[in-house]
């Protein structure tokens, strides 16, 4: 049996950051997320749910506002 990896896309996050007129550096500092984790997100790689929740709290939004699941 071959497992199919679920792909994620963080385009909604980057759009939301622009709309809120903040920098990714500010968001990273406010959420205390490592630069390497942000690099993973810029490359549409999976990150922990804890990271996503911290971003949601900081941006006052839900998970579906910052990540898309690609089929």
N, C-alpha and C. Protein backbone atom coordinates (compact mmCIF):
# COMPACT_ATOMS: atom_id res chain seq x y z
N UNK A 1 0.84 -1.18 0.00
CA UNK A 1 0.00 0.00 0.00
C UNK A 1 0.89 1.25 0.00
N UNK A 2 0.62 2.17 -0.91
CA UNK A 2 1.40 3.39 -1.03
C UNK A 2 0.66 4.52 -0.32
N UNK A 3 1.36 5.17 0.61
CA UNK A 3 0.75 6.29 1.32
C UNK A 3 0.90 7.55 0.51
N UNK A 4 -0.18 8.29 0.39
CA UNK A 4 -0.16 9.56 -0.32
C UNK A 4 0.01 10.68 0.70
N UNK A 5 1.04 11.50 0.50
CA UNK A 5 1.27 12.62 1.42
C UNK A 5 0.29 13.73 1.13
N UNK A 6 -0.25 14.29 2.17
CA UNK A 6 -1.15 15.42 2.03
C UNK A 6 -0.30 16.68 1.92
N UNK A 7 -0.58 17.47 0.90
CA UNK A 7 0.17 18.70 0.67
C UNK A 7 -0.59 19.88 1.26
N UNK A 8 0.17 20.78 1.86
CA UNK A 8 -0.42 21.99 2.41
C UNK A 8 0.12 23.19 1.66
N UNK A 9 -0.64 24.28 1.74
CA UNK A 9 -0.28 25.51 1.07
C UNK A 9 -0.56 26.65 2.05
N UNK A 10 0.41 27.52 2.25
CA UNK A 10 0.27 28.61 3.21
C UNK A 10 0.00 29.96 2.55
N UNK A 11 -0.45 29.96 1.30
CA UNK A 11 -0.76 31.22 0.61
C UNK A 11 -1.74 32.09 1.40
N UNK A 12 -2.78 31.49 2.01
CA UNK A 12 -3.70 32.33 2.78
C UNK A 12 -3.01 33.05 3.95
N UNK A 13 -2.01 32.41 4.55
CA UNK A 13 -1.26 33.04 5.65
C UNK A 13 -0.52 34.27 5.14
N UNK A 14 0.21 34.12 4.05
CA UNK A 14 1.01 35.24 3.54
C UNK A 14 0.11 36.38 3.10
N UNK A 15 -1.07 36.06 2.54
CA UNK A 15 -2.02 37.10 2.16
C UNK A 15 -2.54 37.82 3.40
N UNK A 16 -2.84 37.06 4.44
CA UNK A 16 -3.36 37.65 5.68
C UNK A 16 -2.32 38.56 6.32
N UNK A 17 -1.06 38.15 6.29
CA UNK A 17 0.02 38.97 6.85
C UNK A 17 0.09 40.31 6.10
N UNK A 18 0.00 40.25 4.78
CA UNK A 18 0.02 41.48 3.98
C UNK A 18 -1.20 42.35 4.30
N UNK A 19 -2.38 41.73 4.36
CA UNK A 19 -3.61 42.47 4.65
C UNK A 19 -3.57 43.15 6.01
N UNK A 20 -2.94 42.51 6.99
CA UNK A 20 -2.84 43.08 8.34
C UNK A 20 -1.69 44.08 8.46
N UNK A 21 -0.93 44.22 7.36
CA UNK A 21 0.18 45.18 7.30
C UNK A 21 1.22 44.94 8.39
N UNK A 22 1.58 43.65 8.54
CA UNK A 22 2.67 43.28 9.44
C UNK A 22 3.73 42.54 8.63
N UNK A 23 4.90 42.44 9.18
CA UNK A 23 5.96 41.71 8.48
C UNK A 23 6.02 40.28 9.01
N UNK A 24 6.60 39.41 8.24
CA UNK A 24 6.76 38.04 8.71
C UNK A 24 7.72 38.02 9.90
N UNK A 25 8.66 38.95 9.93
CA UNK A 25 9.58 39.05 11.07
C UNK A 25 8.84 39.40 12.35
N UNK A 26 7.89 40.34 12.24
CA UNK A 26 7.07 40.70 13.41
C UNK A 26 6.24 39.51 13.88
N UNK A 27 5.64 38.81 12.93
CA UNK A 27 4.82 37.65 13.27
C UNK A 27 5.68 36.58 13.93
N UNK A 28 6.85 36.35 13.37
CA UNK A 28 7.76 35.33 13.92
C UNK A 28 8.17 35.69 15.34
N UNK A 29 8.49 36.95 15.56
CA UNK A 29 8.89 37.41 16.89
C UNK A 29 7.72 37.30 17.88
N UNK A 30 6.54 37.75 17.46
CA UNK A 30 5.37 37.74 18.35
C UNK A 30 4.94 36.32 18.73
N UNK A 31 5.14 35.37 17.83
CA UNK A 31 4.71 34.00 18.09
C UNK A 31 5.83 33.11 18.59
N UNK A 32 7.05 33.66 18.63
CA UNK A 32 8.23 32.91 19.09
C UNK A 32 8.44 31.62 18.29
N UNK A 33 8.32 31.77 16.97
CA UNK A 33 8.50 30.64 16.07
C UNK A 33 9.87 30.76 15.42
N UNK A 34 10.59 29.66 15.34
CA UNK A 34 11.94 29.65 14.79
C UNK A 34 11.95 30.04 13.31
N UNK A 35 13.02 30.66 12.90
CA UNK A 35 13.17 31.05 11.50
C UNK A 35 13.11 29.82 10.58
N UNK A 36 13.66 28.71 11.04
CA UNK A 36 13.63 27.49 10.23
C UNK A 36 12.20 26.99 9.99
N UNK A 37 11.33 27.22 10.95
CA UNK A 37 9.93 26.82 10.79
C UNK A 37 9.26 27.70 9.75
N UNK A 38 9.57 29.00 9.77
CA UNK A 38 9.01 29.89 8.75
C UNK A 38 9.53 29.51 7.37
N UNK A 39 10.78 29.06 7.29
CA UNK A 39 11.32 28.61 6.01
C UNK A 39 10.54 27.40 5.51
N UNK A 40 10.22 26.48 6.40
CA UNK A 40 9.41 25.33 6.03
C UNK A 40 8.06 25.78 5.47
N UNK A 41 7.46 26.76 6.13
CA UNK A 41 6.16 27.24 5.69
C UNK A 41 6.26 27.93 4.33
N UNK A 42 7.33 28.67 4.10
CA UNK A 42 7.51 29.32 2.80
C UNK A 42 7.70 28.29 1.69
N UNK A 43 8.16 27.11 2.06
CA UNK A 43 8.34 26.01 1.10
C UNK A 43 7.15 25.04 1.11
N UNK A 44 6.06 25.45 1.75
CA UNK A 44 4.83 24.65 1.84
C UNK A 44 5.08 23.26 2.41
N UNK A 45 5.92 23.19 3.44
CA UNK A 45 6.17 21.95 4.15
C UNK A 45 5.31 21.91 5.41
N UNK A 46 5.08 20.71 5.92
CA UNK A 46 4.27 20.56 7.12
C UNK A 46 5.00 21.10 8.35
N UNK A 47 4.24 21.75 9.23
CA UNK A 47 4.74 22.21 10.52
C UNK A 47 3.76 21.72 11.59
N UNK A 48 4.14 21.84 12.83
CA UNK A 48 3.30 21.30 13.91
C UNK A 48 2.02 22.12 14.09
N UNK A 49 1.04 21.47 14.62
CA UNK A 49 -0.23 22.13 14.90
C UNK A 49 -0.04 23.25 15.92
N UNK A 50 0.86 23.05 16.87
CA UNK A 50 1.16 24.08 17.87
C UNK A 50 1.58 25.39 17.19
N UNK A 51 2.41 25.30 16.18
CA UNK A 51 2.86 26.49 15.45
C UNK A 51 1.68 27.17 14.78
N UNK A 52 0.84 26.40 14.12
CA UNK A 52 -0.31 26.96 13.44
C UNK A 52 -1.27 27.63 14.40
N UNK A 53 -1.46 27.02 15.56
CA UNK A 53 -2.36 27.59 16.57
C UNK A 53 -1.81 28.92 17.09
N UNK A 54 -0.50 28.98 17.34
CA UNK A 54 0.09 30.24 17.80
C UNK A 54 -0.09 31.35 16.77
N UNK A 55 0.03 31.00 15.50
CA UNK A 55 -0.18 31.99 14.44
C UNK A 55 -1.65 32.43 14.42
N UNK A 56 -2.55 31.49 14.54
CA UNK A 56 -3.98 31.82 14.56
C UNK A 56 -4.33 32.76 15.72
N UNK A 57 -3.77 32.49 16.88
CA UNK A 57 -4.03 33.35 18.04
C UNK A 57 -3.50 34.76 17.77
N UNK A 58 -2.30 34.85 17.22
CA UNK A 58 -1.70 36.15 16.95
C UNK A 58 -2.48 36.93 15.89
N UNK A 59 -3.00 36.22 14.90
CA UNK A 59 -3.72 36.89 13.80
C UNK A 59 -5.23 36.93 14.02
N UNK A 60 -5.67 36.36 15.14
CA UNK A 60 -7.10 36.31 15.48
C UNK A 60 -7.91 35.70 14.33
N UNK A 61 -7.55 34.46 13.99
CA UNK A 61 -8.23 33.79 12.89
C UNK A 61 -8.28 32.29 13.16
N UNK A 62 -8.86 31.55 12.23
CA UNK A 62 -8.92 30.10 12.33
C UNK A 62 -7.89 29.43 11.43
N UNK A 63 -7.73 28.13 11.59
CA UNK A 63 -6.76 27.39 10.79
C UNK A 63 -7.05 27.50 9.29
N UNK A 64 -8.32 27.47 8.93
CA UNK A 64 -8.66 27.54 7.51
C UNK A 64 -8.38 28.91 6.91
N UNK A 65 -8.05 29.90 7.75
CA UNK A 65 -7.69 31.23 7.26
C UNK A 65 -6.22 31.34 6.92
N UNK A 66 -5.41 30.34 7.31
CA UNK A 66 -3.96 30.44 7.08
C UNK A 66 -3.37 29.27 6.31
N UNK A 67 -4.14 28.21 6.12
CA UNK A 67 -3.60 27.04 5.43
C UNK A 67 -4.66 26.42 4.52
N UNK A 68 -4.21 25.95 3.37
CA UNK A 68 -5.08 25.22 2.45
C UNK A 68 -4.53 23.80 2.32
N UNK A 69 -5.41 22.84 2.16
CA UNK A 69 -5.00 21.47 1.93
C UNK A 69 -5.19 21.20 0.44
N UNK A 70 -4.13 20.72 -0.21
CA UNK A 70 -4.18 20.45 -1.64
C UNK A 70 -4.36 18.96 -1.87
N UNK A 71 -5.21 18.63 -2.80
CA UNK A 71 -5.43 17.22 -3.16
C UNK A 71 -4.51 16.82 -4.27
